[in-house]
N, C-alpha and C. Protein backbone atom coordinates (compact mmCIF):
# COMPACT_ATOMS: atom_id res chain seq x y z
N MET A 1 0.84 -1.19 0.00
CA MET A 1 0.00 0.00 0.00
C MET A 1 0.88 1.25 0.00
N VAL A 2 0.43 2.23 -0.70
CA VAL A 2 1.16 3.48 -0.80
C VAL A 2 0.40 4.53 0.01
N TYR A 3 1.11 5.17 0.91
CA TYR A 3 0.49 6.20 1.73
C TYR A 3 0.85 7.57 1.19
N ASP A 4 -0.12 8.43 1.16
CA ASP A 4 0.10 9.79 0.68
C ASP A 4 0.58 10.63 1.85
N LYS A 5 1.75 11.21 1.74
CA LYS A 5 2.33 11.98 2.84
C LYS A 5 1.61 13.30 3.07
N SER A 6 0.89 13.77 2.09
CA SER A 6 0.19 15.05 2.26
C SER A 6 -1.07 14.90 3.11
N ARG A 7 -1.49 13.66 3.34
CA ARG A 7 -2.72 13.43 4.10
C ARG A 7 -2.42 12.94 5.51
N LYS A 8 -1.42 13.50 6.15
CA LYS A 8 -1.09 13.11 7.51
C LYS A 8 -2.15 13.61 8.47
N ARG A 9 -2.46 12.79 9.42
CA ARG A 9 -3.40 13.22 10.47
C ARG A 9 -2.60 13.74 11.65
N THR A 10 -2.93 14.91 12.06
CA THR A 10 -2.29 15.44 13.25
C THR A 10 -3.33 15.42 14.36
N SER A 11 -3.06 14.65 15.38
CA SER A 11 -3.99 14.57 16.49
C SER A 11 -3.44 15.39 17.64
N TYR A 12 -4.28 16.21 18.19
CA TYR A 12 -3.90 17.07 19.30
C TYR A 12 -4.70 16.65 20.52
N HIS A 13 -3.99 16.23 21.55
CA HIS A 13 -4.65 15.84 22.79
C HIS A 13 -4.34 16.89 23.84
N ARG A 14 -5.40 17.42 24.42
CA ARG A 14 -5.22 18.44 25.43
C ARG A 14 -4.79 17.79 26.73
N ARG A 15 -3.79 18.34 27.36
CA ARG A 15 -3.27 17.81 28.62
C ARG A 15 -4.29 18.04 29.72
N LYS A 16 -4.60 16.99 30.47
CA LYS A 16 -5.55 17.12 31.57
C LYS A 16 -4.88 17.85 32.71
N VAL A 17 -5.64 18.67 33.39
CA VAL A 17 -5.12 19.47 34.48
C VAL A 17 -5.60 18.87 35.80
N CYS A 18 -4.72 18.81 36.75
CA CYS A 18 -5.08 18.31 38.07
C CYS A 18 -6.07 19.28 38.71
N ARG A 19 -7.23 18.77 39.07
CA ARG A 19 -8.27 19.66 39.61
C ARG A 19 -7.92 20.16 41.01
N PHE A 20 -7.08 19.44 41.72
CA PHE A 20 -6.68 19.88 43.06
C PHE A 20 -5.61 20.96 43.00
N CYS A 21 -4.76 20.92 41.96
CA CYS A 21 -3.77 21.98 41.78
C CYS A 21 -4.44 23.25 41.24
N ALA A 22 -5.44 23.08 40.39
CA ALA A 22 -6.10 24.22 39.79
C ALA A 22 -6.95 24.98 40.80
N ASP A 23 -7.63 24.26 41.69
CA ASP A 23 -8.50 24.89 42.67
C ASP A 23 -7.98 24.54 44.06
N SER A 24 -7.39 25.52 44.72
CA SER A 24 -6.80 25.26 46.04
C SER A 24 -7.85 25.09 47.13
N ASN A 25 -9.12 25.39 46.85
CA ASN A 25 -10.17 25.21 47.85
C ASN A 25 -10.59 23.75 47.99
N LEU A 26 -10.35 22.94 46.97
CA LEU A 26 -10.69 21.52 47.04
C LEU A 26 -9.73 20.81 47.98
N ALA A 27 -10.27 19.99 48.84
CA ALA A 27 -9.44 19.24 49.78
C ALA A 27 -9.70 17.75 49.59
N ILE A 28 -8.68 16.96 49.81
CA ILE A 28 -8.81 15.51 49.73
C ILE A 28 -8.99 15.00 51.15
N ASP A 29 -10.18 14.49 51.43
CA ASP A 29 -10.48 14.01 52.77
C ASP A 29 -11.12 12.64 52.66
N TYR A 30 -10.70 11.72 53.51
CA TYR A 30 -11.23 10.36 53.43
C TYR A 30 -12.69 10.29 53.86
N LYS A 31 -13.17 11.30 54.55
CA LYS A 31 -14.57 11.32 54.99
C LYS A 31 -15.51 11.83 53.90
N ASP A 32 -14.95 12.48 52.88
CA ASP A 32 -15.75 13.02 51.78
C ASP A 32 -15.87 11.97 50.68
N PHE A 33 -16.75 11.00 50.87
CA PHE A 33 -16.84 9.87 49.94
C PHE A 33 -17.48 10.27 48.62
N LYS A 34 -18.22 11.36 48.57
CA LYS A 34 -18.81 11.79 47.30
C LYS A 34 -17.73 12.26 46.33
N THR A 35 -16.74 12.95 46.82
CA THR A 35 -15.63 13.37 45.97
C THR A 35 -14.77 12.18 45.58
N LEU A 36 -14.54 11.28 46.51
CA LEU A 36 -13.69 10.12 46.24
C LEU A 36 -14.35 9.14 45.28
N ARG A 37 -15.66 9.13 45.23
CA ARG A 37 -16.36 8.22 44.33
C ARG A 37 -16.08 8.55 42.87
N MET A 38 -15.74 9.81 42.58
CA MET A 38 -15.40 10.20 41.21
C MET A 38 -14.10 9.56 40.75
N PHE A 39 -13.27 9.11 41.67
CA PHE A 39 -11.97 8.53 41.34
C PHE A 39 -11.97 7.02 41.44
N THR A 40 -13.15 6.41 41.50
CA THR A 40 -13.25 4.96 41.47
C THR A 40 -14.21 4.55 40.35
N THR A 41 -14.01 3.34 39.83
CA THR A 41 -14.89 2.82 38.80
C THR A 41 -16.13 2.23 39.46
N GLU A 42 -17.05 1.75 38.63
CA GLU A 42 -18.27 1.14 39.16
C GLU A 42 -17.94 -0.14 39.92
N ARG A 43 -16.84 -0.79 39.53
CA ARG A 43 -16.44 -2.04 40.17
C ARG A 43 -15.61 -1.81 41.42
N GLY A 44 -15.25 -0.57 41.70
CA GLY A 44 -14.52 -0.26 42.93
C GLY A 44 -13.03 -0.05 42.75
N LYS A 45 -12.53 -0.10 41.51
CA LYS A 45 -11.11 0.10 41.27
C LYS A 45 -10.77 1.59 41.28
N ILE A 46 -9.57 1.91 41.69
CA ILE A 46 -9.10 3.29 41.69
C ILE A 46 -8.70 3.66 40.26
N ILE A 47 -9.19 4.79 39.78
CA ILE A 47 -8.89 5.24 38.42
C ILE A 47 -7.44 5.72 38.37
N PRO A 48 -6.66 5.27 37.38
CA PRO A 48 -5.25 5.67 37.32
C PRO A 48 -5.06 7.14 36.99
N ARG A 49 -3.86 7.59 37.26
CA ARG A 49 -3.51 8.99 37.12
C ARG A 49 -3.60 9.48 35.68
N ARG A 50 -3.23 8.65 34.73
CA ARG A 50 -3.25 9.08 33.33
C ARG A 50 -4.65 9.29 32.82
N ILE A 51 -5.64 8.67 33.46
CA ILE A 51 -7.03 8.85 33.06
C ILE A 51 -7.70 9.96 33.87
N SER A 52 -7.43 10.01 35.16
CA SER A 52 -8.09 11.01 36.01
C SER A 52 -7.50 12.40 35.80
N GLY A 53 -6.22 12.49 35.42
CA GLY A 53 -5.61 13.78 35.18
C GLY A 53 -4.96 14.39 36.41
N ASN A 54 -4.89 13.65 37.50
CA ASN A 54 -4.26 14.17 38.72
C ASN A 54 -2.75 14.18 38.57
N CYS A 55 -2.11 15.08 39.33
CA CYS A 55 -0.66 15.04 39.40
C CYS A 55 -0.26 13.91 40.35
N ALA A 56 1.02 13.57 40.38
CA ALA A 56 1.48 12.43 41.16
C ALA A 56 1.22 12.63 42.65
N LYS A 57 1.45 13.83 43.13
CA LYS A 57 1.26 14.12 44.55
C LYS A 57 -0.20 13.93 44.96
N HIS A 58 -1.11 14.49 44.19
CA HIS A 58 -2.52 14.39 44.55
C HIS A 58 -3.09 13.00 44.28
N GLN A 59 -2.54 12.28 43.31
CA GLN A 59 -3.01 10.92 43.08
C GLN A 59 -2.65 10.02 44.26
N ARG A 60 -1.47 10.23 44.83
CA ARG A 60 -1.10 9.46 46.03
C ARG A 60 -2.03 9.79 47.19
N MET A 61 -2.38 11.06 47.34
CA MET A 61 -3.29 11.45 48.42
C MET A 61 -4.68 10.88 48.19
N VAL A 62 -5.15 10.89 46.95
CA VAL A 62 -6.47 10.36 46.63
C VAL A 62 -6.52 8.86 46.89
N SER A 63 -5.49 8.13 46.46
CA SER A 63 -5.51 6.68 46.64
C SER A 63 -5.44 6.30 48.11
N SER A 64 -4.67 7.01 48.91
CA SER A 64 -4.63 6.69 50.34
C SER A 64 -5.93 7.08 51.01
N ALA A 65 -6.58 8.16 50.56
CA ALA A 65 -7.87 8.54 51.13
C ALA A 65 -8.95 7.51 50.77
N ILE A 66 -8.89 6.96 49.56
CA ILE A 66 -9.85 5.92 49.16
C ILE A 66 -9.64 4.68 50.01
N LYS A 67 -8.40 4.30 50.24
CA LYS A 67 -8.11 3.11 51.04
C LYS A 67 -8.56 3.29 52.48
N ARG A 68 -8.37 4.49 53.03
CA ARG A 68 -8.85 4.76 54.40
C ARG A 68 -10.37 4.72 54.45
N SER A 69 -11.00 5.28 53.45
CA SER A 69 -12.46 5.31 53.39
C SER A 69 -13.04 3.91 53.25
N ARG A 70 -12.33 3.05 52.55
CA ARG A 70 -12.78 1.66 52.44
C ARG A 70 -12.68 0.94 53.77
N ASN A 71 -11.63 1.21 54.53
CA ASN A 71 -11.44 0.52 55.79
C ASN A 71 -12.48 0.88 56.84
N ILE A 72 -13.03 2.07 56.77
CA ILE A 72 -14.09 2.43 57.72
C ILE A 72 -15.47 2.34 57.07
N ALA A 73 -15.54 1.64 55.93
CA ALA A 73 -16.79 1.27 55.24
C ALA A 73 -17.59 2.45 54.70
N LEU A 74 -16.91 3.50 54.26
CA LEU A 74 -17.61 4.58 53.56
C LEU A 74 -17.69 4.28 52.07
N LEU A 75 -16.67 3.62 51.56
CA LEU A 75 -16.64 3.19 50.15
C LEU A 75 -16.53 1.67 50.12
N PRO A 76 -17.15 1.04 49.12
CA PRO A 76 -17.04 -0.42 49.03
C PRO A 76 -15.72 -0.85 48.40
N PHE A 77 -15.25 -2.03 48.78
CA PHE A 77 -14.05 -2.59 48.15
C PHE A 77 -14.40 -3.05 46.73
N THR A 78 -15.52 -3.75 46.59
CA THR A 78 -15.96 -4.22 45.28
C THR A 78 -17.47 -4.08 45.20
N THR A 79 -18.00 -4.42 44.05
CA THR A 79 -19.46 -4.43 43.91
C THR A 79 -20.02 -5.68 44.56
N SER A 80 -21.28 -5.67 44.85
CA SER A 80 -21.88 -6.81 45.55
C SER A 80 -22.67 -7.71 44.60
N THR A 81 -22.20 -7.83 43.36
CA THR A 81 -22.87 -8.72 42.43
C THR A 81 -22.35 -10.14 42.60
N LEU A 82 -23.25 -11.07 42.64
CA LEU A 82 -22.90 -12.47 42.77
C LEU A 82 -23.17 -13.18 41.46
N ARG A 83 -22.36 -14.16 41.13
CA ARG A 83 -22.56 -14.92 39.89
C ARG A 83 -23.33 -16.17 40.14
């Protein structure tokens, strides 16, 4: 197959911005399960940094807050579906 060089596709992906760095009023707290629920999937997995857009510092804080929230039963470890 011959590819035409004049028909190159240029894809531009906008860099995601960490919402905690952008807004200093937002706090990461293990008791705020509504905010932490945005960083977990429906199955209970923690959403990775490359998808959520968090910086490394805030992703570590979010993941530890989710784990603390799970231990005191504010967030579920997994879904309760049985096969």
